[in-house]
Amino acid sequence: MSSDPAHDHMADTATAGVIARPPFIFLASLLLGYLLHYLLPLPFSPPWPDLLTWIVAGVLILVGLTVFAAGIRNFSTAGTPVPTNEPTRALVTTGIHGRTRNPIYVGMFLVYAGIGIGVQSLWILILLLPLAVVINYGVVAREEAYLEKLFGEEYRTYKARVRRWI
């Protein structure tokens, strides 16, 4: 019996067995941060003008959406589903996936950070760390174990060549 929870959760399934669909995890964290922002306000006043705050937030959101869309496009072109609750049909290793193994999640993190900066919520930004831990261990580790089981050496070679994040 495996002592790796990522392997245990995907046993006898055709999917990675992630703890929840990643967009819902990001949305839950964002909503919790927003709620905490109003219930327990923390001061957030950057030492630069509001216009620069909005520019930084806008750039993060635009770059995040671009990276996210590139990842989605790669999956669509390869004919493999994006949702984590559907079986993977192809190993995607080119395009944006040749630079990061998780461009969709990188894009989501950039959008999330851009929103946190744009609304000037320290709570949303603080929740980035627990969000990253949940995504890393509850989603990515399980997906990687699933892909390694599914694609074997081809996935291990890809994993050795391309970074998990950026």
N, C-alpha and C. Protein backbone atom coordinates (compact mmCIF):
# COMPACT_ATOMS: atom_id res chain seq x y z
N MET A 1 0.84 -1.19 0.00
CA MET A 1 0.00 0.00 0.00
C MET A 1 0.88 1.25 0.00
N SER A 2 0.48 2.23 -0.80
CA SER A 2 1.25 3.46 -0.93
C SER A 2 1.06 4.35 0.29
N SER A 3 2.13 5.03 0.69
CA SER A 3 2.01 5.99 1.79
C SER A 3 1.85 7.40 1.26
N ASP A 4 1.76 7.55 -0.07
CA ASP A 4 1.60 8.84 -0.70
C ASP A 4 0.11 9.12 -0.91
N PRO A 5 -0.45 10.17 -0.25
CA PRO A 5 -1.87 10.44 -0.39
C PRO A 5 -2.28 10.75 -1.82
N ALA A 6 -1.36 11.32 -2.61
CA ALA A 6 -1.69 11.60 -4.00
C ALA A 6 -1.97 10.30 -4.75
N HIS A 7 -1.18 9.27 -4.47
CA HIS A 7 -1.40 7.98 -5.12
C HIS A 7 -2.66 7.31 -4.57
N ASP A 8 -2.87 7.38 -3.27
CA ASP A 8 -4.02 6.73 -2.64
C ASP A 8 -5.34 7.27 -3.19
N HIS A 9 -5.42 8.59 -3.37
CA HIS A 9 -6.68 9.20 -3.81
C HIS A 9 -6.99 8.92 -5.26
N MET A 10 -5.98 8.56 -6.06
CA MET A 10 -6.27 8.31 -7.46
C MET A 10 -6.40 6.83 -7.75
N ALA A 11 -6.20 5.98 -6.77
CA ALA A 11 -6.29 4.54 -6.98
C ALA A 11 -7.67 4.18 -7.51
N ASP A 12 -7.68 3.33 -8.51
CA ASP A 12 -8.92 2.81 -9.09
C ASP A 12 -9.82 3.90 -9.67
N THR A 13 -9.26 5.01 -10.10
CA THR A 13 -10.05 6.05 -10.76
C THR A 13 -9.38 6.42 -12.07
N ALA A 14 -10.13 7.05 -12.93
CA ALA A 14 -9.60 7.50 -14.21
C ALA A 14 -9.20 8.97 -14.18
N THR A 15 -9.22 9.56 -13.00
CA THR A 15 -8.83 10.96 -12.86
C THR A 15 -7.80 11.09 -11.75
N ALA A 16 -7.30 12.31 -11.58
CA ALA A 16 -6.25 12.55 -10.59
C ALA A 16 -6.77 12.55 -9.16
N GLY A 17 -8.05 12.66 -8.95
CA GLY A 17 -8.60 12.65 -7.60
C GLY A 17 -8.20 13.87 -6.78
N VAL A 18 -8.22 15.05 -7.41
CA VAL A 18 -7.88 16.27 -6.69
C VAL A 18 -8.94 16.55 -5.62
N ILE A 19 -8.58 17.35 -4.61
CA ILE A 19 -9.49 17.58 -3.49
C ILE A 19 -10.74 18.37 -3.88
N ALA A 20 -10.61 19.22 -4.91
CA ALA A 20 -11.75 20.00 -5.42
C ALA A 20 -11.31 20.61 -6.75
N ARG A 21 -12.27 21.04 -7.52
CA ARG A 21 -11.94 21.68 -8.80
C ARG A 21 -11.18 22.98 -8.50
N PRO A 22 -10.01 23.18 -9.10
CA PRO A 22 -9.18 24.35 -8.80
C PRO A 22 -9.87 25.70 -8.92
N PRO A 23 -10.71 25.95 -9.93
CA PRO A 23 -11.36 27.27 -9.96
C PRO A 23 -12.21 27.53 -8.71
N PHE A 24 -12.82 26.47 -8.18
CA PHE A 24 -13.62 26.63 -6.96
C PHE A 24 -12.73 26.92 -5.75
N ILE A 25 -11.55 26.33 -5.72
CA ILE A 25 -10.61 26.58 -4.62
C ILE A 25 -10.16 28.05 -4.67
N PHE A 26 -9.80 28.53 -5.86
CA PHE A 26 -9.39 29.93 -6.00
C PHE A 26 -10.54 30.87 -5.62
N LEU A 27 -11.74 30.57 -6.10
CA LEU A 27 -12.90 31.41 -5.80
C LEU A 27 -13.21 31.42 -4.30
N ALA A 28 -13.14 30.26 -3.66
CA ALA A 28 -13.39 30.19 -2.21
C ALA A 28 -12.37 31.03 -1.44
N SER A 29 -11.11 30.96 -1.83
CA SER A 29 -10.08 31.75 -1.17
C SER A 29 -10.31 33.24 -1.38
N LEU A 30 -10.68 33.59 -2.60
CA LEU A 30 -10.95 35.00 -2.91
C LEU A 30 -12.14 35.52 -2.11
N LEU A 31 -13.20 34.73 -2.03
CA LEU A 31 -14.39 35.15 -1.27
C LEU A 31 -14.09 35.23 0.23
N LEU A 32 -13.32 34.28 0.74
CA LEU A 32 -12.92 34.33 2.15
C LEU A 32 -12.08 35.58 2.42
N GLY A 33 -11.14 35.86 1.54
CA GLY A 33 -10.32 37.06 1.69
C GLY A 33 -11.15 38.33 1.65
N TYR A 34 -12.11 38.36 0.75
CA TYR A 34 -13.00 39.52 0.63
C TYR A 34 -13.84 39.69 1.90
N LEU A 35 -14.35 38.57 2.41
CA LEU A 35 -15.15 38.60 3.64
C LEU A 35 -14.30 39.09 4.82
N LEU A 36 -13.10 38.53 4.95
CA LEU A 36 -12.21 38.95 6.04
C LEU A 36 -11.81 40.42 5.90
N HIS A 37 -11.66 40.87 4.66
CA HIS A 37 -11.31 42.26 4.38
C HIS A 37 -12.35 43.22 4.99
N TYR A 38 -13.61 42.82 4.97
CA TYR A 38 -14.66 43.67 5.52
C TYR A 38 -14.97 43.41 6.98
N LEU A 39 -14.78 42.18 7.45
CA LEU A 39 -15.06 41.87 8.85
C LEU A 39 -13.91 42.26 9.77
N LEU A 40 -12.69 42.05 9.32
CA LEU A 40 -11.48 42.34 10.11
C LEU A 40 -10.50 43.12 9.25
N PRO A 41 -10.80 44.38 8.95
CA PRO A 41 -9.95 45.14 8.02
C PRO A 41 -8.50 45.25 8.50
N LEU A 42 -7.59 45.06 7.56
CA LEU A 42 -6.17 45.28 7.80
C LEU A 42 -5.73 46.44 6.91
N PRO A 43 -4.92 47.35 7.44
CA PRO A 43 -4.50 48.49 6.60
C PRO A 43 -3.64 48.03 5.43
N PHE A 44 -3.93 48.58 4.27
CA PHE A 44 -3.15 48.29 3.07
C PHE A 44 -3.03 49.59 2.32
N SER A 45 -1.93 50.26 2.50
CA SER A 45 -1.73 51.48 1.74
C SER A 45 -0.33 51.44 1.14
N PRO A 46 -0.26 51.09 -0.13
CA PRO A 46 1.03 51.04 -0.79
C PRO A 46 1.67 52.42 -0.84
N PRO A 47 3.00 52.47 -0.85
CA PRO A 47 3.70 53.76 -0.82
C PRO A 47 3.77 54.42 -2.20
N TRP A 48 2.85 54.08 -3.09
CA TRP A 48 2.83 54.67 -4.42
C TRP A 48 1.41 55.12 -4.74
N PRO A 49 1.22 55.89 -5.77
CA PRO A 49 -0.12 56.41 -6.10
C PRO A 49 -1.10 55.29 -6.47
N ASP A 50 -2.39 55.56 -6.24
CA ASP A 50 -3.44 54.60 -6.58
C ASP A 50 -3.39 54.18 -8.05
N LEU A 51 -3.03 55.10 -8.92
CA LEU A 51 -2.96 54.78 -10.34
C LEU A 51 -1.95 53.65 -10.58
N LEU A 52 -0.81 53.71 -9.92
CA LEU A 52 0.20 52.66 -10.08
C LEU A 52 -0.32 51.32 -9.54
N THR A 53 -1.07 51.38 -8.45
CA THR A 53 -1.68 50.17 -7.90
C THR A 53 -2.59 49.52 -8.94
N TRP A 54 -3.41 50.33 -9.58
CA TRP A 54 -4.33 49.80 -10.60
C TRP A 54 -3.58 49.30 -11.82
N ILE A 55 -2.48 49.97 -12.18
CA ILE A 55 -1.69 49.51 -13.32
C ILE A 55 -1.07 48.15 -13.02
N VAL A 56 -0.47 48.02 -11.83
CA VAL A 56 0.13 46.74 -11.43
C VAL A 56 -0.94 45.65 -11.40
N ALA A 57 -2.07 45.94 -10.80
CA ALA A 57 -3.16 44.97 -10.73
C ALA A 57 -3.63 44.59 -12.13
N GLY A 58 -3.80 45.57 -12.99
CA GLY A 58 -4.24 45.31 -14.36
C GLY A 58 -3.25 44.47 -15.15
N VAL A 59 -1.97 44.76 -14.99
CA VAL A 59 -0.95 43.98 -15.69
C VAL A 59 -0.95 42.54 -15.20
N LEU A 60 -1.02 42.35 -13.89
CA LEU A 60 -1.07 40.98 -13.35
C LEU A 60 -2.29 40.22 -13.87
N ILE A 61 -3.43 40.88 -13.89
CA ILE A 61 -4.66 40.23 -14.37
C ILE A 61 -4.55 39.90 -15.86
N LEU A 62 -4.07 40.83 -16.66
CA LEU A 62 -3.94 40.59 -18.11
C LEU A 62 -2.94 39.48 -18.42
N VAL A 63 -1.79 39.53 -17.76
CA VAL A 63 -0.78 38.48 -17.97
C VAL A 63 -1.35 37.14 -17.51
N GLY A 64 -2.01 37.15 -16.36
CA GLY A 64 -2.62 35.91 -15.84
C GLY A 64 -3.64 35.34 -16.80
N LEU A 65 -4.51 36.18 -17.33
CA LEU A 65 -5.52 35.71 -18.28
C LEU A 65 -4.87 35.17 -19.56
N THR A 66 -3.80 35.81 -20.00
CA THR A 66 -3.08 35.36 -21.20
C THR A 66 -2.45 34.00 -20.98
N VAL A 67 -1.77 33.82 -19.85
CA VAL A 67 -1.14 32.53 -19.54
C VAL A 67 -2.21 31.45 -19.38
N PHE A 68 -3.27 31.77 -18.67
CA PHE A 68 -4.39 30.86 -18.47
C PHE A 68 -4.98 30.42 -19.82
N ALA A 69 -5.25 31.40 -20.69
CA ALA A 69 -5.84 31.10 -22.01
C ALA A 69 -4.89 30.25 -22.86
N ALA A 70 -3.60 30.52 -22.78
CA ALA A 70 -2.63 29.72 -23.54
C ALA A 70 -2.65 28.27 -23.08
N GLY A 71 -2.77 28.05 -21.78
CA GLY A 71 -2.85 26.69 -21.25
C GLY A 71 -4.12 25.98 -21.70
N ILE A 72 -5.24 26.69 -21.67
CA ILE A 72 -6.52 26.13 -22.12
C ILE A 72 -6.44 25.78 -23.61
N ARG A 73 -5.88 26.70 -24.38
CA ARG A 73 -5.75 26.48 -25.83
C ARG A 73 -4.91 25.24 -26.12
N ASN A 74 -3.81 25.07 -25.39
CA ASN A 74 -2.96 23.88 -25.58
C ASN A 74 -3.75 22.60 -25.32
N PHE A 75 -4.51 22.58 -24.23
CA PHE A 75 -5.30 21.39 -23.92
C PHE A 75 -6.34 21.13 -25.01
N SER A 76 -7.01 22.18 -25.45
CA SER A 76 -8.03 22.03 -26.48
C SER A 76 -7.42 21.52 -27.77
N THR A 77 -6.29 22.07 -28.17
CA THR A 77 -5.61 21.64 -29.39
C THR A 77 -5.21 20.17 -29.30
N ALA A 78 -4.79 19.73 -28.12
CA ALA A 78 -4.37 18.34 -27.93
C ALA A 78 -5.55 17.39 -27.75
N GLY A 79 -6.74 17.95 -27.62
CA GLY A 79 -7.93 17.11 -27.46
C GLY A 79 -8.06 16.47 -26.10
N THR A 80 -7.52 17.14 -25.09
CA THR A 80 -7.63 16.63 -23.72
C THR A 80 -8.45 17.61 -22.90
N PRO A 81 -9.31 17.13 -22.02
CA PRO A 81 -10.17 18.03 -21.25
C PRO A 81 -9.39 18.84 -20.21
N VAL A 82 -9.88 20.02 -19.95
CA VAL A 82 -9.29 20.88 -18.93
C VAL A 82 -9.77 20.50 -17.53
N PRO A 83 -11.06 20.23 -17.33
CA PRO A 83 -11.53 19.93 -15.97
C PRO A 83 -10.80 18.73 -15.35
N THR A 84 -10.44 18.90 -14.09
CA THR A 84 -9.69 17.85 -13.38
C THR A 84 -10.52 16.63 -13.05
N ASN A 85 -11.83 16.72 -13.24
CA ASN A 85 -12.68 15.58 -12.93
C ASN A 85 -12.97 14.72 -14.17
N GLU A 86 -12.24 15.00 -15.25
CA GLU A 86 -12.34 14.19 -16.47
C GLU A 86 -10.98 13.56 -16.75
N PRO A 87 -10.97 12.38 -17.35
CA PRO A 87 -9.69 11.71 -17.63
C PRO A 87 -8.85 12.45 -18.67
N THR A 88 -7.55 12.44 -18.45
CA THR A 88 -6.61 13.05 -19.37
C THR A 88 -6.44 12.15 -20.59
N ARG A 89 -6.44 12.74 -21.77
CA ARG A 89 -6.31 11.96 -23.00
C ARG A 89 -4.95 12.11 -23.66
N ALA A 90 -4.23 13.20 -23.32
CA ALA A 90 -2.94 13.45 -23.96
C ALA A 90 -2.02 14.20 -23.00
N LEU A 91 -0.73 13.96 -23.13
CA LEU A 91 0.26 14.69 -22.35
C LEU A 91 0.66 15.91 -23.18
N VAL A 92 0.40 17.10 -22.66
CA VAL A 92 0.68 18.34 -23.38
C VAL A 92 2.02 18.89 -22.88
N THR A 93 2.99 19.00 -23.79
CA THR A 93 4.35 19.40 -23.40
C THR A 93 4.90 20.54 -24.23
N THR A 94 4.12 21.07 -25.16
CA THR A 94 4.61 22.12 -26.04
C THR A 94 3.91 23.44 -25.73
N GLY A 95 4.29 24.48 -26.46
CA GLY A 95 3.71 25.80 -26.23
C GLY A 95 4.03 26.27 -24.83
N ILE A 96 3.07 26.87 -24.17
CA ILE A 96 3.27 27.37 -22.81
C ILE A 96 3.62 26.24 -21.84
N HIS A 97 3.17 25.03 -22.15
CA HIS A 97 3.51 23.87 -21.30
C HIS A 97 4.97 23.46 -21.44
N GLY A 98 5.68 24.03 -22.37
CA GLY A 98 7.12 23.81 -22.49
C GLY A 98 7.90 24.72 -21.56
N ARG A 99 7.21 25.67 -20.94
CA ARG A 99 7.85 26.61 -20.00
C ARG A 99 7.43 26.38 -18.56
N THR A 100 6.20 25.94 -18.36
CA THR A 100 5.69 25.64 -17.03
C THR A 100 4.71 24.48 -17.15
N ARG A 101 4.75 23.57 -16.20
CA ARG A 101 3.85 22.42 -16.27
C ARG A 101 2.42 22.80 -15.86
N ASN A 102 2.26 23.95 -15.26
CA ASN A 102 0.94 24.35 -14.74
C ASN A 102 0.56 25.77 -15.14
N PRO A 103 0.52 26.07 -16.43
CA PRO A 103 0.22 27.45 -16.83
C PRO A 103 -1.18 27.92 -16.42
N ILE A 104 -2.13 27.02 -16.38
CA ILE A 104 -3.48 27.42 -16.00
C ILE A 104 -3.50 27.89 -14.55
N TYR A 105 -2.81 27.17 -13.67
CA TYR A 105 -2.76 27.57 -12.26
C TYR A 105 -1.90 28.83 -12.08
N VAL A 106 -0.80 28.93 -12.82
CA VAL A 106 0.02 30.15 -12.76
C VAL A 106 -0.85 31.35 -13.15
N GLY A 107 -1.62 31.20 -14.22
CA GLY A 107 -2.52 32.27 -14.63
C GLY A 107 -3.53 32.61 -13.56
N MET A 108 -4.10 31.59 -12.92
CA MET A 108 -5.07 31.83 -11.85
C MET A 108 -4.44 32.58 -10.68
N PHE A 109 -3.20 32.20 -10.33
CA PHE A 109 -2.52 32.89 -9.23
C PHE A 109 -2.25 34.35 -9.58
N LEU A 110 -1.86 34.63 -10.83
CA LEU A 110 -1.60 36.01 -11.23
C LEU A 110 -2.88 36.84 -11.19
N VAL A 111 -3.98 36.28 -11.68
CA VAL A 111 -5.27 36.98 -11.64
C VAL A 111 -5.68 37.23 -10.18
N TYR A 112 -5.53 36.20 -9.35
CA TYR A 112 -5.89 36.31 -7.93
C TYR A 112 -5.08 37.43 -7.26
N ALA A 113 -3.76 37.43 -7.49
CA ALA A 113 -2.90 38.48 -6.90
C ALA A 113 -3.29 39.85 -7.44
N GLY A 114 -3.58 39.93 -8.74
CA GLY A 114 -4.00 41.20 -9.33
C GLY A 114 -5.28 41.73 -8.70
N ILE A 115 -6.21 40.84 -8.45
CA ILE A 115 -7.46 41.25 -7.79
C ILE A 115 -7.16 41.74 -6.37
N GLY A 116 -6.34 41.00 -5.63
CA GLY A 116 -5.99 41.40 -4.27
C GLY A 116 -5.34 42.77 -4.22
N ILE A 117 -4.45 43.03 -5.16
CA ILE A 117 -3.79 44.34 -5.22
C ILE A 117 -4.78 45.41 -5.67
N GLY A 118 -5.58 45.08 -6.67
CA GLY A 118 -6.54 46.05 -7.20
C GLY A 118 -7.56 46.52 -6.17
N VAL A 119 -8.07 45.60 -5.36
CA VAL A 119 -9.04 45.98 -4.34
C VAL A 119 -8.35 46.36 -3.03
N GLN A 120 -7.04 46.32 -3.04
CA GLN A 120 -6.20 46.67 -1.89
C GLN A 120 -6.61 45.90 -0.64
N SER A 121 -6.69 44.59 -0.79
CA SER A 121 -7.06 43.72 0.33
C SER A 121 -5.85 42.91 0.79
N LEU A 122 -5.37 43.25 1.95
CA LEU A 122 -4.25 42.49 2.52
C LEU A 122 -4.68 41.05 2.82
N TRP A 123 -5.93 40.85 3.20
CA TRP A 123 -6.42 39.50 3.49
C TRP A 123 -6.34 38.60 2.25
N ILE A 124 -6.76 39.12 1.12
CA ILE A 124 -6.69 38.32 -0.11
C ILE A 124 -5.24 37.95 -0.39
N LEU A 125 -4.33 38.90 -0.20
CA LEU A 125 -2.92 38.62 -0.45
C LEU A 125 -2.33 37.66 0.58
N ILE A 126 -2.74 37.78 1.84
CA ILE A 126 -2.28 36.85 2.88
C ILE A 126 -2.73 35.43 2.56
N LEU A 127 -3.95 35.29 2.05
CA LEU A 127 -4.48 33.96 1.74
C LEU A 127 -3.82 33.31 0.52
N LEU A 128 -2.95 34.06 -0.17
CA LEU A 128 -2.19 33.46 -1.27
C LEU A 128 -1.34 32.28 -0.79
N LEU A 129 -0.75 32.40 0.38
CA LEU A 129 0.12 31.32 0.88
C LEU A 129 -0.66 30.04 1.17
N PRO A 130 -1.73 30.08 1.97
CA PRO A 130 -2.48 28.83 2.15
C PRO A 130 -3.10 28.32 0.85
N LEU A 131 -3.50 29.23 -0.03
CA LEU A 131 -4.03 28.83 -1.33
C LEU A 131 -2.97 28.06 -2.11
N ALA A 132 -1.74 28.56 -2.11
CA ALA A 132 -0.65 27.89 -2.83
C ALA A 132 -0.38 26.51 -2.25
N VAL A 133 -0.45 26.38 -0.93
CA VAL A 133 -0.24 25.07 -0.29
C VAL A 133 -1.34 24.09 -0.70
N VAL A 134 -2.58 24.55 -0.68
CA VAL A 134 -3.71 23.69 -1.05
C VAL A 134 -3.60 23.26 -2.52
N ILE A 135 -3.31 24.21 -3.39
CA ILE A 135 -3.18 23.87 -4.81
C ILE A 135 -1.99 22.94 -5.03
N ASN A 136 -0.88 23.21 -4.38
CA ASN A 136 0.31 22.38 -4.57
C ASN A 136 0.10 20.94 -4.13
N TYR A 137 -0.45 20.76 -2.92
CA TYR A 137 -0.58 19.41 -2.38
C TYR A 137 -1.92 18.74 -2.67
N GLY A 138 -2.98 19.52 -2.71
CA GLY A 138 -4.30 18.94 -2.93
C GLY A 138 -4.67 18.77 -4.39
N VAL A 139 -3.95 19.46 -5.27
CA VAL A 139 -4.26 19.39 -6.69
C VAL A 139 -3.04 18.91 -7.49
N VAL A 140 -1.98 19.72 -7.51
CA VAL A 140 -0.84 19.45 -8.40
C VAL A 140 -0.15 18.13 -8.06
N ALA A 141 0.11 17.86 -6.80
CA ALA A 141 0.78 16.60 -6.44
C ALA A 141 -0.05 15.39 -6.90
N ARG A 142 -1.34 15.49 -6.77
CA ARG A 142 -2.23 14.40 -7.19
C ARG A 142 -2.25 14.27 -8.71
N GLU A 143 -2.29 15.41 -9.38
CA GLU A 143 -2.25 15.38 -10.84
C GLU A 143 -0.94 14.78 -11.34
N GLU A 144 0.16 15.16 -10.71
CA GLU A 144 1.46 14.65 -11.15
C GLU A 144 1.56 13.14 -10.94
N ALA A 145 1.07 12.65 -9.82
CA ALA A 145 1.08 11.20 -9.58
C ALA A 145 0.23 10.48 -10.63
N TYR A 146 -0.92 11.06 -10.94
CA TYR A 146 -1.83 10.50 -11.94
C TYR A 146 -1.16 10.46 -13.32
N LEU A 147 -0.54 11.59 -13.70
CA LEU A 147 0.10 11.67 -15.01
C LEU A 147 1.30 10.73 -15.11
N GLU A 148 2.02 10.58 -14.02
CA GLU A 148 3.16 9.65 -14.03
C GLU A 148 2.67 8.22 -14.19
N LYS A 149 1.59 7.89 -13.54
CA LYS A 149 1.02 6.55 -13.68
C LYS A 149 0.49 6.33 -15.10
N LEU A 150 -0.12 7.36 -15.65
CA LEU A 150 -0.73 7.27 -16.97
C LEU A 150 0.30 7.26 -18.11
N PHE A 151 1.31 8.13 -18.01
CA PHE A 151 2.25 8.31 -19.12
C PHE A 151 3.66 7.80 -18.84
N GLY A 152 3.94 7.39 -17.61
CA GLY A 152 5.22 6.78 -17.26
C GLY A 152 6.44 7.62 -17.58
N GLU A 153 7.37 7.01 -18.28
CA GLU A 153 8.67 7.65 -18.57
C GLU A 153 8.52 8.94 -19.36
N GLU A 154 7.55 9.00 -20.25
CA GLU A 154 7.33 10.21 -21.03
C GLU A 154 7.03 11.40 -20.10
N TYR A 155 6.22 11.16 -19.08
CA TYR A 155 5.92 12.24 -18.13
C TYR A 155 7.11 12.54 -17.25
N ARG A 156 7.84 11.52 -16.80
CA ARG A 156 9.03 11.76 -15.96
C ARG A 156 10.07 12.59 -16.71
N THR A 157 10.25 12.33 -17.98
CA THR A 157 11.20 13.11 -18.80
C THR A 157 10.73 14.56 -18.91
N TYR A 158 9.45 14.74 -19.16
CA TYR A 158 8.87 16.09 -19.23
C TYR A 158 9.04 16.81 -17.90
N LYS A 159 8.75 16.12 -16.81
CA LYS A 159 8.86 16.70 -15.47
C LYS A 159 10.29 17.13 -15.16
N ALA A 160 11.26 16.36 -15.64
CA ALA A 160 12.66 16.70 -15.41
C ALA A 160 13.09 17.91 -16.25
N ARG A 161 12.42 18.11 -17.36
CA ARG A 161 12.79 19.17 -18.30
C ARG A 161 12.10 20.51 -18.02
N VAL A 162 10.87 20.47 -17.52
CA VAL A 162 10.06 21.69 -17.37
C VAL A 162 9.71 21.91 -15.90
N ARG A 163 9.86 23.14 -15.44
CA ARG A 163 9.56 23.46 -14.04
C ARG A 163 8.06 23.34 -13.75
N ARG A 164 7.77 23.05 -12.48
CA ARG A 164 6.37 22.93 -12.06
C ARG A 164 5.65 24.27 -12.20
N TRP A 165 6.27 25.32 -11.78
CA TRP A 165 5.61 26.63 -11.79
C TRP A 165 6.21 27.54 -12.85
N ILE A 166 7.20 28.35 -12.49
CA ILE A 166 7.81 29.25 -13.49
C ILE A 166 9.31 29.22 -13.37
